[in-house]
Each structure stands twice: as C-alpha cells, then as structure tokens.
Amino acid sequence: MKKLMALILVVALMTISCAPDPFKESFENAKKLESANKLEEAYAIYKDLCQKVPQNKEYCEQYSKLNQLLFNKKYSELVDKITYLKSKTPLLPITELQQLENDAKKLYGYSIDKVKVDTLISQISNEKTLSEVKKNNILKEAEQMLSKGEYSKSIRLLKENEYLDISVFNVK
C-alpha cells in the first residue's frame, strides 16, 4: 500500500512538474507586443501575469522593467511638453495645464517615484496659478475699459490673451 501511494505521489509530481505553464502563451504574446513597440498592451499583460503568478520571476521582472520604462517615457514626455509650451508663451494655456496635470497624476499608477511626480504636479499647479491670476487680471482690466467706453481696447486686450483660456476670452 505504501509503495502504491509513493508511486501515485511520484506520478502526480511528475505530471505537475511536466505540465505546461498555462500563462506562457500570454507571456510570449506580451514579448511580441513589446518587440512591436506596443508597450501599453504588453504592459497590461505583464502586469496581469505578475499579479496572477507573483512567484514567477521572469514575468514579474518583465513587468517591472516595462513599468519603469513607461514611467520614464511618460514623465519625460510631460516635461518636454511643458518646456515646449513655455518656449512659445510666458504663461501656459489653462486647458493645457489641466490636461498636463491629469496626465501627471496617471504617473502615480506606476508606483515608481512619488516625489518626482509630486514635484511635477506642483510645477504644473504653480504654472496654472500664474495663468489664472493673469486671466483674472485681464478680465478685470477689460471690464474697467468697457465701463469707460473703451470697447475696442477691451476687445483687443481679450484677443491678445485668448491663448490663456479660449473658453473665456473667445471674442468674435
């Protein structure tokens, strides 16, 4: 009886150890997507695999590697976009800043460098405050001009600054 149980145990262990990895096909698919530069799709698969099979170092290493790569890429894109926008105008459009802030908040999902993301969001928030203060000052100034009957001067001021907030300054 003991020999039979031992034999069953050996057969069971061999069957388990020889069983193909049910996630290997997904992993290979993710590698192909990564090679094709479809990083977001590959990332989603690696993340899923690492969560389902955290003991598989290969899956989790690929997830971690791509996680870091995507964080760095998206962070750099945001910094580059801010730099580009600032090179065009001294104050940045409020709608652009809102989008940049939303995109920066998505970086928290990578759980890489919270301090770096906090700093970027703080920079964007400061830029937004400067643009909003300027917008409010322009609106007050335009209102004063209107009260003095300086209609064309008021419209010119609004048109010159419409880039700050087209929804507010869009004068036809």
C-alpha atoms as a PDB file:
ATOM      1  CA  MET A   1       0.000   0.000   0.000  1.00  0.00           C
ATOM      2  CA  LYS A   2       2.822   2.374   0.893  1.00  0.00           C
ATOM      3  CA  LYS A   3       4.542   1.565  -2.402  1.00  0.00           C
ATOM      4  CA  LEU A   4       1.336   2.280  -4.311  1.00  0.00           C
ATOM      5  CA  MET A   5       0.887   5.635  -2.530  1.00  0.00           C
ATOM      6  CA  ALA A   6       4.508   6.532  -3.207  1.00  0.00           C
ATOM      7  CA  LEU A   7       4.098   5.610  -6.867  1.00  0.00           C
ATOM      8  CA  ILE A   8       0.930   7.721  -7.144  1.00  0.00           C
ATOM      9  CA  LEU A   9       2.727  10.626  -5.473  1.00  0.00           C
ATOM     10  CA  VAL A  10       5.704  10.338  -7.853  1.00  0.00           C
ATOM     11  CA  VAL A  11       3.403  10.188 -10.898  1.00  0.00           C
ATOM     12  CA  ALA A  12       1.416  13.168  -9.624  1.00  0.00           C
ATOM     13  CA  LEU A  13       4.574  15.210  -9.036  1.00  0.00           C
ATOM     14  CA  MET A  14       5.916  14.344 -12.472  1.00  0.00           C
ATOM     15  CA  THR A  15       2.613  15.313 -14.059  1.00  0.00           C
ATOM     16  CA  ILE A  16       2.587  18.650 -12.248  1.00  0.00           C
ATOM     17  CA  SER A  17       6.235  19.395 -12.996  1.00  0.00           C
ATOM     18  CA  CYS A  18       5.839  18.479 -16.659  1.00  0.00           C
ATOM     19  CA  ALA A  19       2.585  20.369 -17.110  1.00  0.00           C
ATOM     20  CA  PRO A  20       2.966  23.283 -19.465  1.00  0.00           C
ATOM     21  CA  ASP A  21       2.762  26.781 -17.985  1.00  0.00           C
ATOM     22  CA  PRO A  22      -0.777  27.965 -18.782  1.00  0.00           C
ATOM     23  CA  PHE A  23       0.440  31.574 -18.812  1.00  0.00           C
ATOM     24  CA  LYS A  24       3.433  31.052 -21.094  1.00  0.00           C
ATOM     25  CA  GLU A  25       1.428  31.815 -24.238  1.00  0.00           C
ATOM     26  CA  SER A  26       0.306  35.152 -22.782  1.00  0.00           C
ATOM     27  CA  PHE A  27       3.877  35.915 -21.786  1.00  0.00           C
ATOM     28  CA  GLU A  28       5.155  35.166 -25.292  1.00  0.00           C
ATOM     29  CA  ASN A  29       2.381  37.334 -26.737  1.00  0.00           C
ATOM     30  CA  ALA A  30       3.424  40.195 -24.442  1.00  0.00           C
ATOM     31  CA  LYS A  31       7.039  39.840 -25.573  1.00  0.00           C
ATOM     32  CA  LYS A  32       5.928  40.063 -29.210  1.00  0.00           C
ATOM     33  CA  LEU A  33       3.852  43.154 -28.443  1.00  0.00           C
ATOM     34  CA  GLU A  34       6.815  44.726 -26.687  1.00  0.00           C
ATOM     35  CA  SER A  35       9.044  43.974 -29.687  1.00  0.00           C
ATOM     36  CA  ALA A  36       6.430  45.628 -31.915  1.00  0.00           C
ATOM     37  CA  ASN A  37       6.636  48.687 -29.643  1.00  0.00           C
ATOM     38  CA  LYS A  38       3.065  48.179 -28.398  1.00  0.00           C
ATOM     39  CA  LEU A  39       4.255  48.870 -24.894  1.00  0.00           C
ATOM     40  CA  GLU A  40       0.914  49.678 -23.259  1.00  0.00           C
ATOM     41  CA  GLU A  41      -0.599  46.385 -24.416  1.00  0.00           C
ATOM     42  CA  ALA A  42       2.464  44.405 -23.342  1.00  0.00           C
ATOM     43  CA  TYR A  43       2.489  46.228 -20.004  1.00  0.00           C
ATOM     44  CA  ALA A  44      -1.117  45.242 -19.272  1.00  0.00           C
ATOM     45  CA  ILE A  45      -0.337  41.574 -19.953  1.00  0.00           C
ATOM     46  CA  TYR A  46       2.880  41.566 -17.878  1.00  0.00           C
ATOM     47  CA  LYS A  47       1.073  43.263 -15.011  1.00  0.00           C
ATOM     48  CA  ASP A  48      -1.733  40.705 -15.138  1.00  0.00           C
ATOM     49  CA  LEU A  49       0.735  37.812 -15.258  1.00  0.00           C
ATOM     50  CA  CYS A  50       2.778  39.138 -12.356  1.00  0.00           C
ATOM     51  CA  GLN A  51      -0.383  39.564 -10.279  1.00  0.00           C
ATOM     52  CA  LYS A  52      -1.624  36.056 -11.130  1.00  0.00           C
ATOM     53  CA  VAL A  53       1.744  34.310 -10.769  1.00  0.00           C
ATOM     54  CA  PRO A  54       3.870  36.511  -8.460  1.00  0.00           C
ATOM     55  CA  GLN A  55       6.305  33.663  -7.813  1.00  0.00           C
ATOM     56  CA  ASN A  56       7.332  33.626 -11.489  1.00  0.00           C
ATOM     57  CA  LYS A  57      10.362  35.906 -11.510  1.00  0.00           C
ATOM     58  CA  GLU A  58      10.533  36.129 -15.301  1.00  0.00           C
ATOM     59  CA  TYR A  59       7.000  37.525 -15.545  1.00  0.00           C
ATOM     60  CA  CYS A  60       7.495  39.985 -12.714  1.00  0.00           C
ATOM     61  CA  GLU A  61      10.906  41.114 -13.946  1.00  0.00           C
ATOM     62  CA  GLN A  62       9.460  41.931 -17.374  1.00  0.00           C
ATOM     63  CA  TYR A  63       6.567  43.763 -15.717  1.00  0.00           C
ATOM     64  CA  SER A  64       8.942  45.719 -13.503  1.00  0.00           C
ATOM     65  CA  LYS A  65      11.242  46.573 -16.412  1.00  0.00           C
ATOM     66  CA  LEU A  66       8.389  47.818 -18.603  1.00  0.00           C
ATOM     67  CA  ASN A  67       6.788  49.624 -15.667  1.00  0.00           C
ATOM     68  CA  GLN A  68       9.990  51.638 -15.184  1.00  0.00           C
ATOM     69  CA  LEU A  69      10.397  52.224 -18.913  1.00  0.00           C
ATOM     70  CA  LEU A  70       6.849  53.542 -19.355  1.00  0.00           C
ATOM     71  CA  PHE A  71       7.122  55.752 -16.284  1.00  0.00           C
ATOM     72  CA  ASN A  72      10.354  57.321 -17.556  1.00  0.00           C
ATOM     73  CA  LYS A  73       8.944  57.754 -21.065  1.00  0.00           C
ATOM     74  CA  LYS A  74       5.706  59.393 -19.941  1.00  0.00           C
ATOM     75  CA  TYR A  75       7.456  61.561 -17.365  1.00  0.00           C
ATOM     76  CA  SER A  76       9.928  62.800 -19.985  1.00  0.00           C
ATOM     77  CA  GLU A  77       7.129  63.480 -22.467  1.00  0.00           C
ATOM     78  CA  LEU A  78       5.336  65.653 -19.916  1.00  0.00           C
ATOM     79  CA  VAL A  79       8.480  67.578 -19.007  1.00  0.00           C
ATOM     80  CA  ASP A  80       9.283  68.079 -22.705  1.00  0.00           C
ATOM     81  CA  LYS A  81       5.765  69.308 -23.415  1.00  0.00           C
ATOM     82  CA  ILE A  82       5.935  71.845 -20.567  1.00  0.00           C
ATOM     83  CA  THR A  83       9.313  73.048 -21.816  1.00  0.00           C
ATOM     84  CA  TYR A  84       7.982  73.371 -25.363  1.00  0.00           C
ATOM     85  CA  LEU A  85       4.865  75.260 -24.287  1.00  0.00           C
ATOM     86  CA  LYS A  86       6.903  77.616 -22.093  1.00  0.00           C
ATOM     87  CA  SER A  87       9.196  78.351 -25.034  1.00  0.00           C
ATOM     88  CA  LYS A  88       6.171  79.557 -27.023  1.00  0.00           C
ATOM     89  CA  THR A  89       4.487  81.724 -24.377  1.00  0.00           C
ATOM     90  CA  PRO A  90       5.450  83.011 -20.956  1.00  0.00           C
ATOM     91  CA  LEU A  91       2.213  81.759 -19.427  1.00  0.00           C
ATOM     92  CA  LEU A  92       0.683  78.436 -20.339  1.00  0.00           C
ATOM     93  CA  PRO A  93      -2.899  77.882 -21.513  1.00  0.00           C
ATOM     94  CA  ILE A  94      -5.109  76.747 -18.647  1.00  0.00           C
ATOM     95  CA  THR A  95      -6.713  73.914 -20.627  1.00  0.00           C
ATOM     96  CA  GLU A  96      -3.246  72.555 -21.495  1.00  0.00           C
ATOM     97  CA  LEU A  97      -2.242  72.758 -17.848  1.00  0.00           C
ATOM     98  CA  GLN A  98      -5.341  70.845 -16.771  1.00  0.00           C
ATOM     99  CA  GLN A  99      -4.522  68.092 -19.262  1.00  0.00           C
ATOM    100  CA  LEU A 100      -0.880  68.016 -18.153  1.00  0.00           C
ATOM    101  CA  GLU A 101      -1.990  67.736 -14.537  1.00  0.00           C
ATOM    102  CA  ASN A 102      -4.326  64.819 -15.353  1.00  0.00           C
ATOM    103  CA  ASP A 103      -1.553  63.067 -17.289  1.00  0.00           C
ATOM    104  CA  ALA A 104       0.924  63.638 -14.455  1.00  0.00           C
ATOM    105  CA  LYS A 105      -1.492  62.122 -11.922  1.00  0.00           C
ATOM    106  CA  LYS A 106      -1.592  58.959 -14.041  1.00  0.00           C
ATOM    107  CA  LEU A 107       2.126  58.523 -13.306  1.00  0.00           C
ATOM    108  CA  TYR A 108       1.217  57.566  -9.725  1.00  0.00           C
ATOM    109  CA  GLY A 109      -0.148  54.311 -11.168  1.00  0.00           C
ATOM    110  CA  TYR A 110       3.387  53.159 -11.938  1.00  0.00           C
ATOM    111  CA  SER A 111       4.371  53.429  -8.254  1.00  0.00           C
ATOM    112  CA  ILE A 112       7.905  54.456  -9.208  1.00  0.00           C
ATOM    113  CA  ASP A 113       8.893  57.877  -7.869  1.00  0.00           C
ATOM    114  CA  LYS A 114       6.146  59.641  -5.937  1.00  0.00           C
ATOM    115  CA  VAL A 115       8.396  62.581  -5.038  1.00  0.00           C
ATOM    116  CA  LYS A 116       9.259  63.182  -8.691  1.00  0.00           C
ATOM    117  CA  VAL A 117       5.566  63.087  -9.643  1.00  0.00           C
ATOM    118  CA  ASP A 118       4.645  65.354  -6.714  1.00  0.00           C
ATOM    119  CA  THR A 119       7.266  67.858  -7.859  1.00  0.00           C
ATOM    120  CA  LEU A 120       5.982  67.795 -11.436  1.00  0.00           C
ATOM    121  CA  ILE A 121       2.372  68.250 -10.324  1.00  0.00           C
ATOM    122  CA  SER A 122       3.448  71.104  -8.065  1.00  0.00           C
ATOM    123  CA  GLN A 123       5.209  72.776 -11.008  1.00  0.00           C
ATOM    124  CA  ILE A 124       2.106  72.400 -13.158  1.00  0.00           C
ATOM    125  CA  SER A 125      -0.066  73.743 -10.345  1.00  0.00           C
ATOM    126  CA  ASN A 126       2.189  76.790  -9.985  1.00  0.00           C
ATOM    127  CA  GLU A 127       2.002  77.444 -13.723  1.00  0.00           C
ATOM    128  CA  LYS A 128      -1.769  77.097 -13.566  1.00  0.00           C
ATOM    129  CA  THR A 129      -1.986  79.594 -10.702  1.00  0.00           C
ATOM    130  CA  LEU A 130       0.110  82.130 -12.638  1.00  0.00           C
ATOM    131  CA  SER A 131      -2.099  81.729 -15.718  1.00  0.00           C
ATOM    132  CA  GLU A 132      -5.319  82.001 -13.702  1.00  0.00           C
ATOM    133  CA  VAL A 133      -4.117  85.143 -11.900  1.00  0.00           C
ATOM    134  CA  LYS A 134      -3.201  86.702 -15.254  1.00  0.00           C
ATOM    135  CA  LYS A 135      -6.582  85.693 -16.720  1.00  0.00           C
ATOM    136  CA  ASN A 136      -8.468  87.240 -13.796  1.00  0.00           C
ATOM    137  CA  ASN A 137      -6.426  90.450 -14.006  1.00  0.00           C
ATOM    138  CA  ILE A 138      -7.128  90.696 -17.735  1.00  0.00           C
ATOM    139  CA  LEU A 139     -10.839  90.207 -17.147  1.00  0.00           C
ATOM    140  CA  LYS A 140     -10.858  92.986 -14.537  1.00  0.00           C
ATOM    141  CA  GLU A 141      -8.883  95.287 -16.812  1.00  0.00           C
ATOM    142  CA  ALA A 142     -11.198  94.576 -19.757  1.00  0.00           C
ATOM    143  CA  GLU A 143     -14.230  95.231 -17.558  1.00  0.00           C
ATOM    144  CA  GLN A 144     -12.764  98.591 -16.496  1.00  0.00           C
ATOM    145  CA  MET A 145     -12.151  99.504 -20.132  1.00  0.00           C
ATOM    146  CA  LEU A 146     -15.723  98.600 -21.006  1.00  0.00           C
ATOM    147  CA  SER A 147     -17.072 100.750 -18.180  1.00  0.00           C
ATOM    148  CA  LYS A 148     -15.080 103.687 -19.639  1.00  0.00           C
ATOM    149  CA  GLY A 149     -16.492 103.018 -23.093  1.00  0.00           C
ATOM    150  CA  GLU A 150     -13.175 101.734 -24.495  1.00  0.00           C
ATOM    151  CA  TYR A 151     -14.763  98.830 -26.326  1.00  0.00           C
ATOM    152  CA  SER A 152     -12.142  98.190 -28.995  1.00  0.00           C
ATOM    153  CA  LYS A 153      -9.324  98.456 -26.481  1.00  0.00           C
ATOM    154  CA  SER A 154     -11.100  95.912 -24.263  1.00  0.00           C
ATOM    155  CA  ILE A 155     -11.671  93.501 -27.151  1.00  0.00           C
ATOM    156  CA  ARG A 156      -8.032  93.831 -28.264  1.00  0.00           C
ATOM    157  CA  LEU A 157      -6.837  93.013 -24.740  1.00  0.00           C
ATOM    158  CA  LEU A 158      -9.038  89.915 -24.623  1.00  0.00           C
ATOM    159  CA  LYS A 159      -7.935  88.765 -28.094  1.00  0.00           C
ATOM    160  CA  GLU A 160      -4.239  89.236 -27.240  1.00  0.00           C
ATOM    161  CA  ASN A 161      -4.651  86.927 -24.260  1.00  0.00           C
ATOM    162  CA  GLU A 162      -7.163  84.405 -25.537  1.00  0.00           C
ATOM    163  CA  TYR A 163      -4.487  81.686 -25.525  1.00  0.00           C
ATOM    164  CA  LEU A 164      -4.751  81.609 -21.723  1.00  0.00           C
ATOM    165  CA  ASP A 165      -8.347  80.409 -21.739  1.00  0.00           C
ATOM    166  CA  ILE A 166     -10.107  80.328 -25.083  1.00  0.00           C
ATOM    167  CA  SER A 167     -13.429  79.475 -23.408  1.00  0.00           C
ATOM    168  CA  VAL A 168     -13.373  82.800 -21.563  1.00  0.00           C
ATOM    169  CA  PHE A 169     -11.549  85.085 -23.996  1.00  0.00           C
ATOM    170  CA  ASN A 170     -13.031  83.890 -27.263  1.00  0.00           C
ATOM    171  CA  VAL A 171     -14.146  87.229 -28.713  1.00  0.00           C
ATOM    172  CA  LYS A 172     -15.533  87.327 -32.232  1.00  0.00           C
END
